[in-house]
């Protein structure tokens, strides 16, 4: 079971991803796929934060911004 803060980070990642897809006028993936992507983003952000000592949500926001560049 995921902790409260982890759940909040994943919810925020879903909202950021949704916003980014809508802004880019891209079709939204299904709910399960969106959750999978959000979970992966948060996992990656935690790994990066651990290495660099940075804020997880700031890293998630940067990673979502990088989606539009791909």
Protein backbone atom coordinates (compact mmCIF):
# COMPACT_ATOMS: atom_id res chain seq x y z
CA UNK A 1 0.00 0.00 0.00
CA UNK A 2 1.29 3.43 -0.94
CA UNK A 3 1.72 6.14 1.66
CA UNK A 4 -0.22 9.38 1.73
CA UNK A 5 2.57 11.54 0.30
CA UNK A 6 3.30 9.08 -2.48
CA UNK A 7 -0.38 9.04 -3.46
CA UNK A 8 -0.42 12.84 -3.53
CA UNK A 9 2.69 12.95 -5.72
CA UNK A 10 1.13 10.50 -8.17
CA UNK A 11 -2.15 12.47 -8.28
CA UNK A 12 -0.20 15.63 -9.01
CA UNK A 13 1.75 13.84 -11.73
CA UNK A 14 -1.52 12.66 -13.34
CA UNK A 15 -2.85 16.23 -13.30
CA UNK A 16 0.38 17.56 -14.80
CA UNK A 17 0.39 14.89 -17.49
CA UNK A 18 -3.28 15.53 -18.31
CA UNK A 19 -2.64 19.25 -18.56
CA UNK A 20 0.38 18.70 -20.80
CA UNK A 21 -1.49 16.34 -23.14
CA UNK A 22 -4.41 18.76 -23.40
CA UNK A 23 -2.12 21.72 -23.98
CA UNK A 24 -0.38 19.87 -26.79
CA UNK A 25 -3.76 18.74 -28.17
CA UNK A 26 -2.72 15.11 -27.87
CA UNK A 27 -5.12 12.25 -27.16
CA UNK A 28 -5.10 11.26 -23.51
CA UNK A 29 -4.01 7.70 -22.78
CA UNK A 30 -6.39 5.45 -20.88
CA UNK A 31 -6.72 5.76 -17.11
CA UNK A 32 -4.48 2.78 -16.37
CA UNK A 33 -1.80 3.97 -18.79
CA UNK A 34 -1.93 7.47 -17.33
CA UNK A 35 -1.52 6.05 -13.82
CA UNK A 36 1.39 3.90 -15.00
CA UNK A 37 3.10 6.92 -16.52
CA UNK A 38 2.51 9.00 -13.39
CA UNK A 39 3.93 6.24 -11.20
CA UNK A 40 7.00 5.99 -13.43
CA UNK A 41 7.48 9.76 -13.34
CA UNK A 42 7.33 9.81 -9.54
CA UNK A 43 9.68 6.82 -9.30
CA UNK A 44 12.17 8.55 -11.57
CA UNK A 45 11.80 11.84 -9.69
CA UNK A 46 12.50 10.11 -6.37
CA UNK A 47 15.59 8.47 -7.82
CA UNK A 48 16.86 11.79 -9.21
CA UNK A 49 16.03 13.63 -5.97
CA UNK A 50 17.97 11.07 -4.00
CA UNK A 51 21.01 11.52 -6.25
CA UNK A 52 20.86 15.31 -6.49
CA UNK A 53 19.12 16.30 -3.27
CA UNK A 54 16.29 18.18 -5.01
CA UNK A 55 12.54 18.51 -4.52
CA UNK A 56 10.54 15.62 -6.01
CA UNK A 57 7.65 17.72 -7.34
CA UNK A 58 10.03 20.18 -9.03
CA UNK A 59 11.65 17.25 -10.79
CA UNK A 60 8.25 15.81 -11.81
CA UNK A 61 7.29 19.18 -13.33
CA UNK A 62 10.56 19.30 -15.29
CA UNK A 63 10.03 15.74 -16.53
CA UNK A 64 6.49 16.55 -17.70
CA UNK A 65 7.83 19.59 -19.55
CA UNK A 66 10.32 17.28 -21.27
CA UNK A 67 7.43 15.24 -22.69
CA UNK A 68 6.51 18.08 -25.03
CA UNK A 69 10.05 18.10 -26.40
CA UNK A 70 9.84 14.46 -27.48
